[in-house]
Amino acid sequence: MAQPPDITETFVKEVDENLRRDQLHDFLRDNGRWLVVALVLFLAVCGGIIYWQHYREQKSEQQVEELAQIFRDIGGGNTKKAPQQLDGLAQSGNKAVRASALFTRAAVALQNNDVPLATQKYREIASDDGLPQAYRDAALVRQTSLEFDKLKPEEVIARMQPLAKSGEPWFGSAGELTAMALIKQGKNQEAGRLFAAIARDKNAPDTLRGRAAQIASTLGVDASDALETQAR
């Protein structure tokens, strides 16, 4: 009796390859147009991202150069065009440029005795979640300093509370505002101790330390050791 031929492994592989080839052909025939469209879109998106990154880099460099020129103009006493130029740079997507423009705009406003505008600019910086915390803290201190006479003591204390701690970068300035608010509340001893702590803070400017030590003494808190250390 005749035996059926053996179906070898090679034959099975050949049939499998042919089947796969036919399936791929059918898939490309039915979906080839959409694959081409998807590929074109993918390349367009990649190209757009690369272009946008390059554009932003060029734009940032241009804005930094513009800001540097504004600084030179202000240094030379030419501030006529500065407000408008700074207002434009304050919309920059570059955080450092935006913050620098706002701080400088506030400084120009103060130079022109426009305290409300300067306060507004500091408020913009302090409330801008997109800026680094260091910029926001600096702006909050300056804003509070300008608004001090209009704020209730408890408002000043609450606003400065996160910054008026020993070891914090803005401890000296924030602590001084807090201490002055405490004096308004009649808490002279507490204010004096805070002034004494500022006087001992080696990170605070010497002028601030000296002033704090003198005020602490007038409030009955001994800060002479801080003055002696500063004198050395």
N, C-alpha and C. Protein backbone atom coordinates (compact mmCIF):
# COMPACT_ATOMS: atom_id res chain seq x y z
N MET A 1 0.85 -1.18 0.00
CA MET A 1 0.00 0.00 0.00
C MET A 1 0.89 1.24 0.00
N ALA A 2 0.55 2.19 -0.90
CA ALA A 2 1.39 3.38 -1.01
C ALA A 2 1.27 4.25 0.22
N GLN A 3 2.39 4.83 0.66
CA GLN A 3 2.43 5.70 1.84
C GLN A 3 2.30 7.15 1.41
N PRO A 4 1.53 7.95 2.15
CA PRO A 4 1.42 9.38 1.81
C PRO A 4 2.77 10.07 1.97
N PRO A 5 3.05 11.04 1.12
CA PRO A 5 4.35 11.71 1.21
C PRO A 5 4.50 12.45 2.52
N ASP A 6 5.75 12.53 3.01
CA ASP A 6 6.03 13.24 4.26
C ASP A 6 5.91 14.75 4.06
N ILE A 7 5.25 15.42 5.00
CA ILE A 7 5.19 16.88 4.99
C ILE A 7 6.34 17.38 5.85
N THR A 8 7.38 17.79 5.21
CA THR A 8 8.58 18.16 5.94
C THR A 8 8.44 19.53 6.57
N GLU A 9 9.37 19.81 7.51
CA GLU A 9 9.39 21.10 8.20
C GLU A 9 9.65 22.24 7.22
N THR A 10 10.48 21.95 6.19
CA THR A 10 10.80 22.97 5.19
C THR A 10 9.55 23.38 4.42
N PHE A 11 8.73 22.38 4.08
CA PHE A 11 7.51 22.65 3.33
C PHE A 11 6.54 23.50 4.17
N VAL A 12 6.44 23.18 5.46
CA VAL A 12 5.56 23.94 6.36
C VAL A 12 6.00 25.39 6.43
N LYS A 13 7.32 25.60 6.54
CA LYS A 13 7.85 26.96 6.61
C LYS A 13 7.55 27.73 5.34
N GLU A 14 7.68 27.06 4.20
CA GLU A 14 7.43 27.70 2.92
C GLU A 14 5.98 28.14 2.80
N VAL A 15 5.08 27.24 3.21
CA VAL A 15 3.65 27.58 3.17
C VAL A 15 3.36 28.75 4.11
N ASP A 16 3.99 28.74 5.29
CA ASP A 16 3.77 29.81 6.27
C ASP A 16 4.27 31.15 5.74
N GLU A 17 5.44 31.13 5.09
CA GLU A 17 6.00 32.36 4.52
C GLU A 17 5.11 32.91 3.42
N ASN A 18 4.61 32.01 2.57
CA ASN A 18 3.72 32.44 1.49
C ASN A 18 2.44 33.06 2.05
N LEU A 19 1.93 32.44 3.11
CA LEU A 19 0.72 32.96 3.73
C LEU A 19 0.94 34.34 4.32
N ARG A 20 2.08 34.50 4.99
CA ARG A 20 2.41 35.79 5.58
C ARG A 20 2.60 36.85 4.48
N ARG A 21 3.23 36.45 3.38
CA ARG A 21 3.46 37.39 2.28
C ARG A 21 2.13 37.85 1.69
N ASP A 22 1.21 36.90 1.52
CA ASP A 22 -0.10 37.25 0.98
C ASP A 22 -0.85 38.18 1.93
N GLN A 23 -0.76 37.89 3.24
CA GLN A 23 -1.44 38.72 4.23
C GLN A 23 -0.88 40.13 4.23
N LEU A 24 0.47 40.27 4.14
CA LEU A 24 1.11 41.59 4.11
C LEU A 24 0.69 42.36 2.87
N HIS A 25 0.63 41.64 1.73
CA HIS A 25 0.22 42.27 0.48
C HIS A 25 -1.20 42.80 0.59
N ASP A 26 -2.08 41.97 1.14
CA ASP A 26 -3.47 42.40 1.30
C ASP A 26 -3.58 43.59 2.25
N PHE A 27 -2.79 43.57 3.34
CA PHE A 27 -2.84 44.67 4.31
C PHE A 27 -2.38 45.99 3.68
N LEU A 28 -1.26 45.91 2.93
CA LEU A 28 -0.74 47.12 2.27
C LEU A 28 -1.70 47.63 1.21
N ARG A 29 -2.35 46.68 0.51
CA ARG A 29 -3.31 47.08 -0.52
C ARG A 29 -4.50 47.81 0.10
N ASP A 30 -4.97 47.31 1.25
CA ASP A 30 -6.15 47.90 1.88
C ASP A 30 -5.83 49.13 2.72
N ASN A 31 -4.61 49.20 3.27
CA ASN A 31 -4.29 50.27 4.23
C ASN A 31 -3.08 51.11 3.83
N GLY A 32 -2.51 50.85 2.68
CA GLY A 32 -1.30 51.55 2.29
C GLY A 32 -1.44 53.06 2.27
N ARG A 33 -2.59 53.55 1.76
CA ARG A 33 -2.79 55.00 1.69
C ARG A 33 -2.77 55.63 3.07
N TRP A 34 -3.39 54.97 4.04
CA TRP A 34 -3.43 55.52 5.41
C TRP A 34 -2.06 55.45 6.07
N LEU A 35 -1.29 54.43 5.74
CA LEU A 35 0.07 54.34 6.28
C LEU A 35 0.93 55.49 5.77
N VAL A 36 0.77 55.82 4.49
CA VAL A 36 1.53 56.93 3.92
C VAL A 36 1.13 58.23 4.60
N VAL A 37 -0.18 58.43 4.79
CA VAL A 37 -0.67 59.65 5.45
C VAL A 37 -0.12 59.73 6.87
N ALA A 38 -0.14 58.62 7.61
CA ALA A 38 0.37 58.60 8.98
C ALA A 38 1.86 58.92 9.02
N LEU A 39 2.61 58.38 8.04
CA LEU A 39 4.05 58.64 7.99
C LEU A 39 4.33 60.11 7.72
N VAL A 40 3.57 60.69 6.78
CA VAL A 40 3.74 62.11 6.47
C VAL A 40 3.43 62.98 7.69
N LEU A 41 2.34 62.64 8.38
CA LEU A 41 1.96 63.41 9.58
C LEU A 41 3.04 63.28 10.66
N PHE A 42 3.57 62.09 10.84
CA PHE A 42 4.61 61.88 11.84
C PHE A 42 5.84 62.72 11.53
N LEU A 43 6.27 62.71 10.26
CA LEU A 43 7.43 63.51 9.86
C LEU A 43 7.16 65.00 10.02
N ALA A 44 5.93 65.41 9.73
CA ALA A 44 5.57 66.83 9.86
C ALA A 44 5.61 67.26 11.32
N VAL A 45 5.11 66.41 12.21
CA VAL A 45 5.12 66.73 13.64
C VAL A 45 6.55 66.81 14.15
N CYS A 46 7.39 65.85 13.77
CA CYS A 46 8.79 65.87 14.21
C CYS A 46 9.49 67.12 13.69
N GLY A 47 9.25 67.44 12.43
CA GLY A 47 9.86 68.64 11.87
C GLY A 47 9.38 69.90 12.57
N GLY A 48 8.08 69.93 12.90
CA GLY A 48 7.52 71.09 13.60
C GLY A 48 8.13 71.27 14.98
N ILE A 49 8.34 70.16 15.69
CA ILE A 49 8.92 70.23 17.04
C ILE A 49 10.35 70.75 16.96
N ILE A 50 11.11 70.23 16.00
CA ILE A 50 12.51 70.67 15.86
C ILE A 50 12.57 72.15 15.51
N TYR A 51 11.68 72.58 14.60
CA TYR A 51 11.65 74.00 14.20
C TYR A 51 11.27 74.88 15.38
N TRP A 52 10.27 74.45 16.14
CA TRP A 52 9.79 75.25 17.27
C TRP A 52 10.88 75.40 18.34
N GLN A 53 11.60 74.32 18.61
CA GLN A 53 12.69 74.39 19.58
C GLN A 53 13.78 75.35 19.10
N HIS A 54 14.10 75.27 17.83
CA HIS A 54 15.11 76.17 17.26
C HIS A 54 14.63 77.62 17.31
N TYR A 55 13.35 77.81 16.99
CA TYR A 55 12.78 79.17 17.02
C TYR A 55 12.82 79.75 18.43
N ARG A 56 12.46 78.93 19.42
CA ARG A 56 12.44 79.40 20.80
C ARG A 56 13.85 79.76 21.27
N GLU A 57 14.83 78.96 20.89
CA GLU A 57 16.22 79.26 21.27
C GLU A 57 16.66 80.59 20.68
N GLN A 58 16.36 80.78 19.39
CA GLN A 58 16.73 82.04 18.74
C GLN A 58 15.99 83.22 19.38
N LYS A 59 14.70 83.01 19.68
CA LYS A 59 13.89 84.06 20.28
C LYS A 59 14.43 84.43 21.66
N SER A 60 14.81 83.44 22.46
CA SER A 60 15.34 83.69 23.79
C SER A 60 16.65 84.47 23.73
N GLU A 61 17.52 84.08 22.80
CA GLU A 61 18.79 84.78 22.64
C GLU A 61 18.55 86.24 22.26
N GLN A 62 17.61 86.45 21.35
CA GLN A 62 17.28 87.81 20.93
C GLN A 62 16.74 88.63 22.10
N GLN A 63 15.89 88.00 22.93
CA GLN A 63 15.30 88.72 24.06
C GLN A 63 16.34 89.05 25.12
N VAL A 64 17.27 88.15 25.34
CA VAL A 64 18.35 88.42 26.31
C VAL A 64 19.19 89.61 25.83
N GLU A 65 19.49 89.64 24.54
CA GLU A 65 20.26 90.76 23.99
C GLU A 65 19.47 92.06 24.12
N GLU A 66 18.17 91.99 23.87
CA GLU A 66 17.32 93.18 24.00
C GLU A 66 17.29 93.67 25.44
N LEU A 67 17.20 92.73 26.37
CA LEU A 67 17.17 93.09 27.79
C LEU A 67 18.49 93.74 28.21
N ALA A 68 19.59 93.20 27.72
CA ALA A 68 20.91 93.77 28.03
C ALA A 68 21.02 95.20 27.51
N GLN A 69 20.46 95.44 26.32
CA GLN A 69 20.49 96.80 25.75
C GLN A 69 19.64 97.75 26.58
N ILE A 70 18.52 97.26 27.09
CA ILE A 70 17.67 98.09 27.96
C ILE A 70 18.42 98.48 29.22
N PHE A 71 19.14 97.52 29.80
CA PHE A 71 19.93 97.80 31.00
C PHE A 71 20.98 98.88 30.71
N ARG A 72 21.61 98.77 29.54
CA ARG A 72 22.61 99.78 29.18
C ARG A 72 21.97 101.16 29.00
N ASP A 73 20.79 101.17 28.39
CA ASP A 73 20.09 102.44 28.19
C ASP A 73 19.71 103.07 29.53
N ILE A 74 19.19 102.24 30.44
CA ILE A 74 18.79 102.75 31.76
C ILE A 74 20.01 103.26 32.50
N GLY A 75 21.11 102.51 32.41
CA GLY A 75 22.35 102.94 33.07
C GLY A 75 22.85 104.26 32.53
N GLY A 76 22.54 104.54 31.26
CA GLY A 76 22.96 105.79 30.66
C GLY A 76 21.94 106.90 30.81
N GLY A 77 20.87 106.61 31.56
CA GLY A 77 19.86 107.63 31.80
C GLY A 77 18.79 107.73 30.72
N ASN A 78 18.82 106.82 29.76
CA ASN A 78 17.83 106.83 28.68
C ASN A 78 16.72 105.84 29.00
N THR A 79 15.66 106.31 29.62
CA THR A 79 14.58 105.41 30.07
C THR A 79 13.27 105.66 29.33
N LYS A 80 13.29 106.48 28.31
CA LYS A 80 12.05 106.86 27.63
C LYS A 80 11.33 105.65 27.02
N LYS A 81 12.09 104.78 26.34
CA LYS A 81 11.49 103.62 25.67
C LYS A 81 11.44 102.38 26.56
N ALA A 82 12.10 102.44 27.69
CA ALA A 82 12.23 101.26 28.55
C ALA A 82 10.89 100.66 28.98
N PRO A 83 9.92 101.45 29.44
CA PRO A 83 8.66 100.84 29.91
C PRO A 83 7.98 99.99 28.85
N GLN A 84 7.86 100.52 27.64
CA GLN A 84 7.20 99.76 26.58
C GLN A 84 7.99 98.51 26.22
N GLN A 85 9.31 98.63 26.14
CA GLN A 85 10.14 97.48 25.81
C GLN A 85 10.05 96.40 26.89
N LEU A 86 10.07 96.83 28.14
CA LEU A 86 10.00 95.88 29.26
C LEU A 86 8.64 95.20 29.33
N ASP A 87 7.58 95.94 29.02
CA ASP A 87 6.25 95.33 29.01
C ASP A 87 6.16 94.23 27.96
N GLY A 88 6.84 94.43 26.83
CA GLY A 88 6.85 93.39 25.81
C GLY A 88 7.62 92.16 26.25
N LEU A 89 8.76 92.36 26.87
CA LEU A 89 9.58 91.24 27.35
C LEU A 89 8.93 90.52 28.53
N ALA A 90 8.03 91.21 29.23
CA ALA A 90 7.35 90.58 30.37
C ALA A 90 6.40 89.47 29.92
N GLN A 91 6.15 89.37 28.61
CA GLN A 91 5.30 88.30 28.07
C GLN A 91 6.14 87.13 27.54
N SER A 92 7.43 87.18 27.75
CA SER A 92 8.33 86.16 27.22
C SER A 92 8.05 84.78 27.82
N GLY A 93 8.27 83.76 26.99
CA GLY A 93 8.15 82.40 27.49
C GLY A 93 9.38 81.96 28.26
N ASN A 94 10.45 82.74 28.18
CA ASN A 94 11.67 82.47 28.95
C ASN A 94 11.48 83.02 30.36
N LYS A 95 11.53 82.15 31.36
CA LYS A 95 11.23 82.56 32.73
C LYS A 95 12.17 83.63 33.25
N ALA A 96 13.46 83.46 32.96
CA ALA A 96 14.44 84.42 33.46
C ALA A 96 14.24 85.79 32.82
N VAL A 97 13.95 85.80 31.52
CA VAL A 97 13.71 87.07 30.82
C VAL A 97 12.45 87.73 31.37
N ARG A 98 11.40 86.94 31.54
CA ARG A 98 10.13 87.49 32.03
C ARG A 98 10.29 88.10 33.42
N ALA A 99 10.94 87.37 34.32
CA ALA A 99 11.13 87.86 35.68
C ALA A 99 12.01 89.11 35.70
N SER A 100 13.09 89.09 34.93
CA SER A 100 14.00 90.24 34.90
C SER A 100 13.29 91.47 34.36
N ALA A 101 12.46 91.27 33.33
CA ALA A 101 11.72 92.40 32.75
C ALA A 101 10.74 92.99 33.76
N LEU A 102 10.06 92.13 34.50
CA LEU A 102 9.09 92.61 35.48
C LEU A 102 9.78 93.33 36.64
N PHE A 103 10.87 92.77 37.13
CA PHE A 103 11.62 93.42 38.22
C PHE A 103 12.14 94.79 37.76
N THR A 104 12.68 94.84 36.55
CA THR A 104 13.22 96.10 36.04
C THR A 104 12.10 97.11 35.81
N ARG A 105 10.96 96.62 35.33
CA ARG A 105 9.81 97.52 35.13
C ARG A 105 9.37 98.13 36.45
N ALA A 106 9.38 97.34 37.51
CA ALA A 106 9.03 97.85 38.83
C ALA A 106 10.04 98.89 39.29
N ALA A 107 11.33 98.64 39.02
CA ALA A 107 12.38 99.58 39.42
C ALA A 107 12.23 100.90 38.68
N VAL A 108 11.91 100.83 37.40
CA VAL A 108 11.71 102.06 36.61
C VAL A 108 10.50 102.83 37.14
N ALA A 109 9.45 102.09 37.51
CA ALA A 109 8.26 102.74 38.06
C ALA A 109 8.58 103.47 39.36
N LEU A 110 9.38 102.83 40.22
CA LEU A 110 9.77 103.48 41.48
C LEU A 110 10.63 104.70 41.21
N GLN A 111 11.48 104.61 40.20
CA GLN A 111 12.31 105.75 39.84
C GLN A 111 11.44 106.93 39.41
N ASN A 112 10.29 106.61 38.82
CA ASN A 112 9.35 107.65 38.40
C ASN A 112 8.30 107.95 39.46
N ASN A 113 8.54 107.46 40.68
CA ASN A 113 7.63 107.69 41.81
C ASN A 113 6.22 107.11 41.57
N ASP A 114 6.15 106.07 40.76
CA ASP A 114 4.86 105.41 40.51
C ASP A 114 4.80 104.14 41.38
N VAL A 115 4.53 104.34 42.66
CA VAL A 115 4.51 103.22 43.61
C VAL A 115 3.41 102.21 43.28
N PRO A 116 2.19 102.64 42.92
CA PRO A 116 1.14 101.66 42.60
C PRO A 116 1.54 100.72 41.47
N LEU A 117 2.18 101.25 40.42
CA LEU A 117 2.58 100.39 39.30
C LEU A 117 3.68 99.43 39.73
N ALA A 118 4.64 99.92 40.50
CA ALA A 118 5.71 99.05 40.99
C ALA A 118 5.14 97.92 41.84
N THR A 119 4.20 98.27 42.70
CA THR A 119 3.55 97.25 43.55
C THR A 119 2.83 96.22 42.69
N GLN A 120 2.18 96.67 41.65
CA GLN A 120 1.46 95.77 40.75
C GLN A 120 2.42 94.78 40.08
N LYS A 121 3.58 95.28 39.65
CA LYS A 121 4.55 94.41 38.98
C LYS A 121 5.11 93.38 39.95
N TYR A 122 5.40 93.81 41.17
CA TYR A 122 5.88 92.84 42.17
C TYR A 122 4.81 91.81 42.47
N ARG A 123 3.56 92.25 42.48
CA ARG A 123 2.45 91.31 42.74
C ARG A 123 2.35 90.30 41.60
N GLU A 124 2.55 90.75 40.38
CA GLU A 124 2.51 89.83 39.23
C GLU A 124 3.58 88.75 39.36
N ILE A 125 4.76 89.14 39.77
CA ILE A 125 5.84 88.16 39.92
C ILE A 125 5.52 87.18 41.05
N ALA A 126 5.09 87.72 42.17
CA ALA A 126 4.83 86.88 43.34
C ALA A 126 3.73 85.86 43.10
N SER A 127 2.80 86.19 42.24
CA SER A 127 1.66 85.29 41.99
C SER A 127 1.83 84.43 40.75
N ASP A 128 2.98 84.53 40.09
CA ASP A 128 3.22 83.78 38.86
C ASP A 128 3.76 82.39 39.19
N ASP A 129 2.90 81.39 39.08
CA ASP A 129 3.29 80.01 39.42
C ASP A 129 4.35 79.46 38.47
N GLY A 130 4.50 80.09 37.31
CA GLY A 130 5.47 79.59 36.35
C GLY A 130 6.89 80.02 36.62
N LEU A 131 7.09 80.93 37.57
CA LEU A 131 8.43 81.43 37.88
C LEU A 131 9.03 80.65 39.05
N PRO A 132 10.36 80.55 39.11
CA PRO A 132 11.01 79.90 40.25
C PRO A 132 10.65 80.58 41.56
N GLN A 133 10.63 79.81 42.64
CA GLN A 133 10.21 80.33 43.93
C GLN A 133 11.09 81.47 44.42
N ALA A 134 12.38 81.45 44.07
CA ALA A 134 13.29 82.52 44.52
C ALA A 134 12.84 83.88 44.01
N TYR A 135 12.42 83.94 42.74
CA TYR A 135 11.92 85.19 42.18
C TYR A 135 10.65 85.63 42.90
N ARG A 136 9.77 84.68 43.13
CA ARG A 136 8.48 84.99 43.74
C ARG A 136 8.65 85.48 45.18
N ASP A 137 9.56 84.87 45.91
CA ASP A 137 9.81 85.29 47.29
C ASP A 137 10.37 86.71 47.34
N ALA A 138 11.32 87.00 46.46
CA ALA A 138 11.91 88.34 46.42
C ALA A 138 10.84 89.38 46.11
N ALA A 139 9.98 89.07 45.16
CA ALA A 139 8.92 90.00 44.78
C ALA A 139 7.92 90.20 45.92
N LEU A 140 7.61 89.12 46.64
CA LEU A 140 6.66 89.22 47.75
C LEU A 140 7.18 90.13 48.85
N VAL A 141 8.48 90.03 49.14
CA VAL A 141 9.08 90.89 50.16
C VAL A 141 8.99 92.35 49.74
N ARG A 142 9.32 92.63 48.49
CA ARG A 142 9.31 94.01 48.01
C ARG A 142 7.87 94.54 47.92
N GLN A 143 6.96 93.70 47.49
CA GLN A 143 5.55 94.10 47.44
C GLN A 143 5.05 94.46 48.83
N THR A 144 5.36 93.62 49.81
CA THR A 144 4.91 93.85 51.18
C THR A 144 5.54 95.12 51.76
N SER A 145 6.79 95.37 51.41
CA SER A 145 7.46 96.58 51.88
C SER A 145 6.75 97.83 51.38
N LEU A 146 6.33 97.80 50.10
CA LEU A 146 5.64 98.95 49.53
C LEU A 146 4.22 99.10 50.08
N GLU A 147 3.60 98.00 50.44
CA GLU A 147 2.23 98.03 50.93
C GLU A 147 2.13 98.10 52.46
N PHE A 148 3.27 98.11 53.13
CA PHE A 148 3.31 97.95 54.58
C PHE A 148 2.34 98.87 55.31
N ASP A 149 2.34 100.14 54.98
CA ASP A 149 1.50 101.11 55.70
C ASP A 149 0.01 100.90 55.47
N LYS A 150 -0.34 100.18 54.41
CA LYS A 150 -1.75 99.95 54.10
C LYS A 150 -2.26 98.61 54.61
N LEU A 151 -1.35 97.77 55.06
CA LEU A 151 -1.73 96.43 55.53
C LEU A 151 -1.91 96.39 57.03
N LYS A 152 -2.77 95.51 57.48
CA LYS A 152 -2.89 95.27 58.91
C LYS A 152 -1.67 94.47 59.37
N PRO A 153 -1.22 94.69 60.61
CA PRO A 153 -0.04 93.96 61.11
C PRO A 153 -0.14 92.45 60.94
N GLU A 154 -1.33 91.91 61.21
CA GLU A 154 -1.48 90.46 61.09
C GLU A 154 -1.35 89.99 59.63
N GLU A 155 -1.71 90.86 58.68
CA GLU A 155 -1.55 90.50 57.27
C GLU A 155 -0.07 90.43 56.90
N VAL A 156 0.70 91.39 57.39
CA VAL A 156 2.14 91.40 57.13
C VAL A 156 2.78 90.15 57.73
N ILE A 157 2.43 89.86 58.98
CA ILE A 157 3.02 88.70 59.67
C ILE A 157 2.69 87.40 58.95
N ALA A 158 1.43 87.25 58.55
CA ALA A 158 1.02 86.03 57.85
C ALA A 158 1.72 85.90 56.50
N ARG A 159 1.86 87.01 55.80
CA ARG A 159 2.47 86.98 54.47
C ARG A 159 3.96 86.64 54.57
N MET A 160 4.63 87.15 55.59
CA MET A 160 6.06 86.95 55.73
C MET A 160 6.43 85.70 56.52
N GLN A 161 5.45 85.06 57.10
CA GLN A 161 5.71 83.92 58.00
C GLN A 161 6.60 82.84 57.39
N PRO A 162 6.38 82.42 56.12
CA PRO A 162 7.26 81.37 55.57
C PRO A 162 8.70 81.82 55.36
N LEU A 163 8.91 83.15 55.25
CA LEU A 163 10.23 83.66 54.92
C LEU A 163 10.99 84.19 56.13
N ALA A 164 10.25 84.55 57.18
CA ALA A 164 10.87 85.16 58.37
C ALA A 164 11.36 84.10 59.34
N LYS A 165 12.12 83.16 58.84
CA LYS A 165 12.68 82.08 59.65
C LYS A 165 14.18 82.05 59.48
N SER A 166 14.89 81.87 60.58
CA SER A 166 16.35 81.84 60.52
C SER A 166 16.81 80.75 59.56
N GLY A 167 17.73 81.10 58.70
CA GLY A 167 18.22 80.15 57.70
C GLY A 167 17.61 80.35 56.34
N GLU A 168 16.45 81.03 56.27
CA GLU A 168 15.82 81.31 54.99
C GLU A 168 16.57 82.45 54.30
N PRO A 169 16.67 82.43 52.96
CA PRO A 169 17.42 83.47 52.25
C PRO A 169 16.92 84.88 52.52
N TRP A 170 15.60 85.04 52.73
CA TRP A 170 15.03 86.37 52.93
C TRP A 170 14.70 86.63 54.40
N PHE A 171 15.37 85.91 55.29
CA PHE A 171 15.08 86.06 56.72
C PHE A 171 15.26 87.51 57.19
N GLY A 172 16.35 88.16 56.75
CA GLY A 172 16.62 89.52 57.22
C GLY A 172 15.51 90.48 56.87
N SER A 173 15.17 90.58 55.59
CA SER A 173 14.15 91.53 55.13
C SER A 173 12.76 91.14 55.61
N ALA A 174 12.42 89.86 55.49
CA ALA A 174 11.10 89.40 55.93
C ALA A 174 10.97 89.52 57.44
N GLY A 175 12.06 89.23 58.16
CA GLY A 175 12.04 89.35 59.61
C GLY A 175 11.87 90.79 60.06
N GLU A 176 12.51 91.71 59.36
CA GLU A 176 12.38 93.13 59.72
C GLU A 176 10.94 93.60 59.53
N LEU A 177 10.32 93.22 58.43
CA LEU A 177 8.91 93.60 58.21
C LEU A 177 8.02 92.99 59.29
N THR A 178 8.30 91.74 59.63
CA THR A 178 7.50 91.07 60.67
C THR A 178 7.68 91.77 62.02
N ALA A 179 8.92 92.12 62.35
CA ALA A 179 9.20 92.79 63.62
C ALA A 179 8.50 94.15 63.70
N MET A 180 8.51 94.89 62.60
CA MET A 180 7.83 96.19 62.58
C MET A 180 6.32 96.01 62.77
N ALA A 181 5.78 94.93 62.19
CA ALA A 181 4.35 94.65 62.37
C ALA A 181 4.06 94.28 63.83
N LEU A 182 4.97 93.56 64.46
CA LEU A 182 4.80 93.21 65.87
C LEU A 182 4.80 94.47 66.75
N ILE A 183 5.64 95.44 66.41
CA ILE A 183 5.66 96.70 67.17
C ILE A 183 4.31 97.39 67.05
N LYS A 184 3.72 97.35 65.86
CA LYS A 184 2.38 97.94 65.67
C LYS A 184 1.36 97.27 66.57
N GLN A 185 1.58 95.99 66.85
CA GLN A 185 0.67 95.25 67.72
C GLN A 185 1.01 95.44 69.19
N GLY A 186 2.07 96.20 69.46
CA GLY A 186 2.47 96.43 70.85
C GLY A 186 3.30 95.31 71.44
N LYS A 187 3.78 94.40 70.60
CA LYS A 187 4.57 93.26 71.08
C LYS A 187 6.06 93.60 70.95
N ASN A 188 6.50 94.55 71.78
CA ASN A 188 7.86 95.06 71.65
C ASN A 188 8.94 94.03 71.99
N GLN A 189 8.72 93.25 73.02
CA GLN A 189 9.72 92.26 73.40
C GLN A 189 9.89 91.21 72.30
N GLU A 190 8.79 90.75 71.75
CA GLU A 190 8.85 89.76 70.66
C GLU A 190 9.55 90.36 69.43
N ALA A 191 9.23 91.62 69.16
CA ALA A 191 9.87 92.30 68.04
C ALA A 191 11.36 92.47 68.31
N GLY A 192 11.71 92.82 69.53
CA GLY A 192 13.12 93.01 69.89
C GLY A 192 13.91 91.74 69.73
N ARG A 193 13.35 90.62 70.12
CA ARG A 193 14.06 89.33 69.97
C ARG A 193 14.27 88.99 68.49
N LEU A 194 13.28 89.33 67.69
CA LEU A 194 13.41 89.06 66.25
C LEU A 194 14.47 89.97 65.63
N PHE A 195 14.50 91.23 66.04
CA PHE A 195 15.54 92.15 65.56
C PHE A 195 16.93 91.65 65.98
N ALA A 196 17.03 91.15 67.20
CA ALA A 196 18.31 90.63 67.68
C ALA A 196 18.76 89.43 66.86
N ALA A 197 17.80 88.58 66.50
CA ALA A 197 18.12 87.41 65.67
C ALA A 197 18.60 87.84 64.30
N ILE A 198 18.00 88.90 63.76
CA ILE A 198 18.44 89.42 62.46
C ILE A 198 19.85 89.98 62.57
N ALA A 199 20.12 90.68 63.69
CA ALA A 199 21.46 91.26 63.90
C ALA A 199 22.54 90.18 63.95
N ARG A 200 22.17 88.99 64.39
CA ARG A 200 23.14 87.89 64.49
C ARG A 200 23.22 87.05 63.21
N ASP A 201 22.38 87.36 62.25
CA ASP A 201 22.33 86.59 61.01
C ASP A 201 23.46 87.04 60.08
N LYS A 202 24.46 86.22 59.94
CA LYS A 202 25.64 86.58 59.14
C LYS A 202 25.33 86.68 57.64
N ASN A 203 24.19 86.13 57.21
CA ASN A 203 23.83 86.20 55.80
C ASN A 203 23.14 87.51 55.45
N ALA A 204 22.71 88.25 56.47
CA ALA A 204 22.01 89.53 56.23
C ALA A 204 23.03 90.61 55.91
N PRO A 205 22.66 91.61 55.12
CA PRO A 205 23.58 92.73 54.83
C PRO A 205 24.00 93.43 56.12
N ASP A 206 25.21 93.96 56.15
CA ASP A 206 25.73 94.61 57.34
C ASP A 206 24.87 95.80 57.78
N THR A 207 24.37 96.55 56.80
CA THR A 207 23.52 97.70 57.15
C THR A 207 22.25 97.25 57.87
N LEU A 208 21.67 96.16 57.39
CA LEU A 208 20.46 95.64 58.02
C LEU A 208 20.76 95.09 59.40
N ARG A 209 21.89 94.39 59.56
CA ARG A 209 22.26 93.84 60.86
C ARG A 209 22.49 94.95 61.88
N GLY A 210 23.17 96.01 61.44
CA GLY A 210 23.44 97.12 62.35
C GLY A 210 22.16 97.81 62.77
N ARG A 211 21.28 98.04 61.83
CA ARG A 211 20.00 98.68 62.14
C ARG A 211 19.17 97.81 63.08
N ALA A 212 19.15 96.50 62.81
CA ALA A 212 18.38 95.59 63.65
C ALA A 212 18.91 95.56 65.07
N ALA A 213 20.23 95.58 65.22
CA ALA A 213 20.83 95.56 66.56
C ALA A 213 20.46 96.82 67.34
N GLN A 214 20.49 97.96 66.69
CA GLN A 214 20.15 99.22 67.36
C GLN A 214 18.68 99.26 67.77
N ILE A 215 17.80 98.79 66.89
CA ILE A 215 16.37 98.78 67.23
C ILE A 215 16.10 97.80 68.36
N ALA A 216 16.78 96.65 68.32
CA ALA A 216 16.60 95.66 69.40
C ALA A 216 16.97 96.27 70.74
N SER A 217 18.06 97.04 70.76
CA SER A 217 18.51 97.67 72.01
C SER A 217 17.48 98.67 72.52
N THR A 218 16.89 99.45 71.62
CA THR A 218 15.88 100.43 72.03
C THR A 218 14.62 99.75 72.57
N LEU A 219 14.43 98.49 72.16
CA LEU A 219 13.27 97.73 72.63
C LEU A 219 13.58 96.92 73.88
N GLY A 220 14.80 97.10 74.40
CA GLY A 220 15.16 96.45 75.66
C GLY A 220 15.75 95.07 75.49
N VAL A 221 16.16 94.71 74.28
CA VAL A 221 16.76 93.40 74.03
C VAL A 221 18.23 93.61 73.69
N ASP A 222 19.10 92.97 74.42
CA ASP A 222 20.54 93.15 74.24
C ASP A 222 21.02 92.47 72.96
N ALA A 223 21.56 93.27 72.06
CA ALA A 223 22.12 92.73 70.81
C ALA A 223 23.53 93.24 70.63
N SER A 224 24.19 93.62 71.75
CA SER A 224 25.53 94.19 71.66
C SER A 224 26.54 93.18 71.13
N ASP A 225 26.33 91.89 71.42
CA ASP A 225 27.25 90.87 70.92
C ASP A 225 27.23 90.83 69.40
N ALA A 226 26.07 91.10 68.80
CA ALA A 226 25.97 91.11 67.33
C ALA A 226 26.75 92.29 66.77
N LEU A 227 26.66 93.43 67.45
CA LEU A 227 27.38 94.62 66.99
C LEU A 227 28.89 94.42 67.12
N GLU A 228 29.32 93.76 68.21
CA GLU A 228 30.74 93.52 68.40
C GLU A 228 31.28 92.57 67.33
N THR A 229 30.48 91.53 67.04
CA THR A 229 30.90 90.58 66.01
C THR A 229 30.99 91.24 64.65
N GLN A 230 30.05 92.14 64.37
CA GLN A 230 30.05 92.85 63.10
C GLN A 230 31.24 93.77 62.99
N ALA A 231 31.60 94.40 64.09
CA ALA A 231 32.74 95.34 64.10
C ALA A 231 34.04 94.63 63.80
N ARG A 232 34.15 93.38 64.22
CA ARG A 232 35.38 92.62 63.97
C ARG A 232 35.51 92.28 62.49
